[in-house]
Amino acid sequence: MNNNPSKVNAELIQEFRSMIALQIHGDMDWVRARTYWQNRLATVDNTNELAEVLSYALCKAAIRPK
């Protein structure tokens, strides 16, 4: 197990970003996404990384009126 907190946080952020991107682009259905998030979030002690990734991904994926 990696004991470097910065590297662990970076890896977790990258993992979350990848999963969110799969969902946003329709490459992962909601059943698999729900299962992933239920299982993965149960193992995360600190949700700061999730908050960072969600705020970034949802900002980038926002549908903006023309």
Protein backbone atom coordinates (compact mmCIF):
# COMPACT_ATOMS: atom_id res chain seq x y z
CA MET A 1 0.00 0.00 0.00
CA ASN A 2 1.22 3.46 -0.84
CA ASN A 3 1.82 5.64 2.23
CA ASN A 4 2.33 8.90 0.30
CA PRO A 5 -0.88 10.88 0.97
CA SER A 6 -0.40 13.16 -2.05
CA LYS A 7 -0.03 10.23 -4.42
CA VAL A 8 -2.97 8.39 -2.87
CA ASN A 9 -5.15 11.50 -3.19
CA ALA A 10 -4.05 12.04 -6.80
CA GLU A 11 -4.79 8.41 -7.65
CA LEU A 12 -8.21 8.59 -6.00
CA ILE A 13 -9.06 11.81 -7.82
CA GLN A 14 -8.03 10.25 -11.14
CA GLU A 15 -10.11 7.13 -10.43
CA PHE A 16 -13.17 9.22 -9.57
CA ARG A 17 -12.70 11.45 -12.62
CA SER A 18 -12.52 8.40 -14.87
CA MET A 19 -15.68 6.90 -13.42
CA ILE A 20 -17.58 10.19 -13.66
CA ALA A 21 -16.44 10.64 -17.27
CA LEU A 22 -17.69 7.15 -18.12
CA GLN A 23 -21.08 8.08 -16.73
CA ILE A 24 -21.29 11.51 -18.34
CA HIS A 25 -20.38 10.10 -21.75
CA GLY A 26 -22.85 7.24 -21.41
CA ASP A 27 -20.23 4.51 -21.33
CA MET A 28 -21.47 3.19 -17.97
CA ASP A 29 -25.11 2.49 -17.19
CA TRP A 30 -26.70 3.64 -13.96
CA VAL A 31 -26.88 0.15 -12.43
CA ARG A 32 -23.13 -0.42 -12.75
CA ALA A 33 -22.43 3.15 -11.67
CA ARG A 34 -24.58 2.79 -8.57
CA THR A 35 -22.86 -0.48 -7.67
CA TYR A 36 -19.42 1.06 -8.19
CA TRP A 37 -20.21 4.14 -6.05
CA GLN A 38 -21.86 2.12 -3.27
CA ASN A 39 -18.87 -0.19 -3.01
CA ARG A 40 -16.15 2.41 -3.55
CA LEU A 41 -17.49 5.14 -1.30
CA ALA A 42 -17.81 2.65 1.56
CA THR A 43 -14.00 2.42 1.51
CA VAL A 44 -13.24 6.16 1.37
CA ASP A 45 -12.46 7.84 4.68
CA ASN A 46 -12.35 11.41 3.44
CA THR A 47 -14.77 12.73 0.85
CA ASN A 48 -12.72 15.86 0.01
CA GLU A 49 -11.44 14.21 -3.17
CA LEU A 50 -14.97 13.26 -4.21
CA ALA A 51 -16.16 16.82 -3.66
CA GLU A 52 -13.28 18.16 -5.74
CA VAL A 53 -13.92 15.77 -8.61
CA LEU A 54 -17.68 16.22 -8.62
CA SER A 55 -17.51 19.99 -8.61
CA TYR A 56 -14.98 19.97 -11.47
CA ALA A 57 -16.72 17.32 -13.58
CA LEU A 58 -20.19 18.78 -13.20
CA CYS A 59 -18.92 22.25 -14.06
CA LYS A 60 -17.29 20.92 -17.24
CA ALA A 61 -20.34 18.81 -18.15
CA ALA A 62 -22.89 21.56 -17.52
CA ILE A 63 -25.36 22.23 -20.29
CA ARG A 64 -25.17 25.93 -20.93
CA PRO A 65 -27.96 27.80 -22.64
CA LYS A 66 -27.05 29.41 -25.95
